[in-house]
C-alpha atoms as a PDB file:
ATOM      1  CA  UNK A   1     -38.593 251.571  87.718  1.00  0.00           C
ATOM      2  CA  UNK A   2     -35.130 252.931  88.048  1.00  0.00           C
ATOM      3  CA  UNK A   3     -32.844 252.151  85.116  1.00  0.00           C
ATOM      4  CA  UNK A   4     -29.218 252.621  85.008  1.00  0.00           C
ATOM      5  CA  UNK A   5     -28.207 255.061  82.260  1.00  0.00           C
ATOM      6  CA  UNK A   6     -25.630 253.323  79.767  1.00  0.00           C
ATOM      7  CA  UNK A   7     -22.081 254.461  79.840  1.00  0.00           C
ATOM      8  CA  UNK A   8     -22.201 257.388  77.237  1.00  0.00           C
ATOM      9  CA  UNK A   9     -18.522 257.240  76.458  1.00  0.00           C
ATOM     10  CA  UNK A  10     -18.807 253.536  75.411  1.00  0.00           C
ATOM     11  CA  UNK A  11     -21.692 254.421  73.151  1.00  0.00           C
ATOM     12  CA  UNK A  12     -19.754 257.219  71.565  1.00  0.00           C
ATOM     13  CA  UNK A  13     -16.646 255.064  71.144  1.00  0.00           C
ATOM     14  CA  UNK A  14     -18.710 252.371  69.549  1.00  0.00           C
ATOM     15  CA  UNK A  15     -20.257 254.889  66.947  1.00  0.00           C
ATOM     16  CA  UNK A  16     -16.620 256.256  66.224  1.00  0.00           C
ATOM     17  CA  UNK A  17     -15.469 252.825  65.668  1.00  0.00           C
ATOM     18  CA  UNK A  18     -18.200 252.199  63.215  1.00  0.00           C
ATOM     19  CA  UNK A  19     -17.384 255.304  61.267  1.00  0.00           C
ATOM     20  CA  UNK A  20     -13.654 254.751  61.216  1.00  0.00           C
ATOM     21  CA  UNK A  21     -13.822 251.115  60.228  1.00  0.00           C
ATOM     22  CA  UNK A  22     -15.058 251.997  56.890  1.00  0.00           C
ATOM     23  CA  UNK A  23     -12.389 254.749  56.325  1.00  0.00           C
ATOM     24  CA  UNK A  24      -9.459 254.356  54.011  1.00  0.00           C
ATOM     25  CA  UNK A  25      -7.535 256.738  56.281  1.00  0.00           C
ATOM     26  CA  UNK A  26      -5.709 255.493  59.192  1.00  0.00           C
ATOM     27  CA  UNK A  27      -7.025 256.594  62.508  1.00  0.00           C
ATOM     28  CA  UNK A  28      -6.401 256.055  66.156  1.00  0.00           C
ATOM     29  CA  UNK A  29      -8.622 257.002  69.157  1.00  0.00           C
ATOM     30  CA  UNK A  30      -6.980 258.011  72.436  1.00  0.00           C
ATOM     31  CA  UNK A  31      -8.471 259.015  75.662  1.00  0.00           C
ATOM     32  CA  UNK A  32      -7.628 262.212  77.600  1.00  0.00           C
ATOM     33  CA  UNK A  33      -4.648 260.417  79.194  1.00  0.00           C
ATOM     34  CA  UNK A  34      -3.403 259.312  75.762  1.00  0.00           C
ATOM     35  CA  UNK A  35      -4.459 255.619  76.299  1.00  0.00           C
ATOM     36  CA  UNK A  36      -4.896 253.696  72.932  1.00  0.00           C
ATOM     37  CA  UNK A  37      -8.636 252.937  72.867  1.00  0.00           C
ATOM     38  CA  UNK A  38      -9.013 251.973  69.262  1.00  0.00           C
ATOM     39  CA  UNK A  39      -7.309 251.842  65.867  1.00  0.00           C
ATOM     40  CA  UNK A  40      -8.603 250.919  62.357  1.00  0.00           C
ATOM     41  CA  UNK A  41      -7.180 248.560  59.883  1.00  0.00           C
ATOM     42  CA  UNK A  42      -5.793 251.173  57.741  1.00  0.00           C
ATOM     43  CA  UNK A  43      -3.803 252.711  60.564  1.00  0.00           C
ATOM     44  CA  UNK A  44      -2.434 249.220  61.270  1.00  0.00           C
ATOM     45  CA  UNK A  45      -1.224 248.892  57.745  1.00  0.00           C
ATOM     46  CA  UNK A  46       0.335 252.471  57.442  1.00  0.00           C
ATOM     47  CA  UNK A  47       1.868 252.444  60.912  1.00  0.00           C
ATOM     48  CA  UNK A  48       3.771 249.331  60.404  1.00  0.00           C
ATOM     49  CA  UNK A  49       2.948 248.058  63.886  1.00  0.00           C
ATOM     50  CA  UNK A  50       1.890 244.439  64.179  1.00  0.00           C
ATOM     51  CA  UNK A  51      -1.801 243.999  64.717  1.00  0.00           C
ATOM     52  CA  UNK A  52      -1.225 241.591  67.865  1.00  0.00           C
ATOM     53  CA  UNK A  53       1.103 244.323  69.327  1.00  0.00           C
ATOM     54  CA  UNK A  54      -1.869 247.014  68.723  1.00  0.00           C
ATOM     55  CA  UNK A  55      -4.515 244.679  70.045  1.00  0.00           C
ATOM     56  CA  UNK A  56      -2.423 243.997  73.214  1.00  0.00           C
ATOM     57  CA  UNK A  57      -1.748 247.713  73.703  1.00  0.00           C
ATOM     58  CA  UNK A  58      -5.533 248.413  73.723  1.00  0.00           C
ATOM     59  CA  UNK A  59      -6.259 245.510  75.988  1.00  0.00           C
ATOM     60  CA  UNK A  60      -3.604 246.617  78.437  1.00  0.00           C
ATOM     61  CA  UNK A  61      -4.361 250.202  78.385  1.00  0.00           C
ATOM     62  CA  UNK A  62      -1.144 251.357  76.965  1.00  0.00           C
ATOM     63  CA  UNK A  63      -0.378 255.021  76.442  1.00  0.00           C
ATOM     64  CA  UNK A  64       0.431 256.253  72.844  1.00  0.00           C
ATOM     65  CA  UNK A  65       4.012 257.000  73.519  1.00  0.00           C
ATOM     66  CA  UNK A  66       4.473 253.483  74.998  1.00  0.00           C
ATOM     67  CA  UNK A  67       3.496 251.963  71.597  1.00  0.00           C
ATOM     68  CA  UNK A  68       4.581 254.442  68.956  1.00  0.00           C
ATOM     69  CA  UNK A  69       8.135 255.632  68.511  1.00  0.00           C
ATOM     70  CA  UNK A  70       7.025 259.127  67.462  1.00  0.00           C
ATOM     71  CA  UNK A  71       6.844 262.526  69.265  1.00  0.00           C
ATOM     72  CA  UNK A  72       3.261 263.122  68.312  1.00  0.00           C
ATOM     73  CA  UNK A  73       1.970 261.432  71.323  1.00  0.00           C
END
């Protein structure tokens, strides 16, 4: 029986999300091309960026510098 291996990056992202969701510190996860993959609630509160805007940015695969008006991206 030949099984397809699960996508390891998706599994790791889910584990990271689980850890960061309980954090009081703001956190954002980007991929190597600086696309926004995840943000926690604390980040949404501290960044001042509307939650719907962040959710849309994740869904559309926006890059960090397309969403945040800062030079750290």
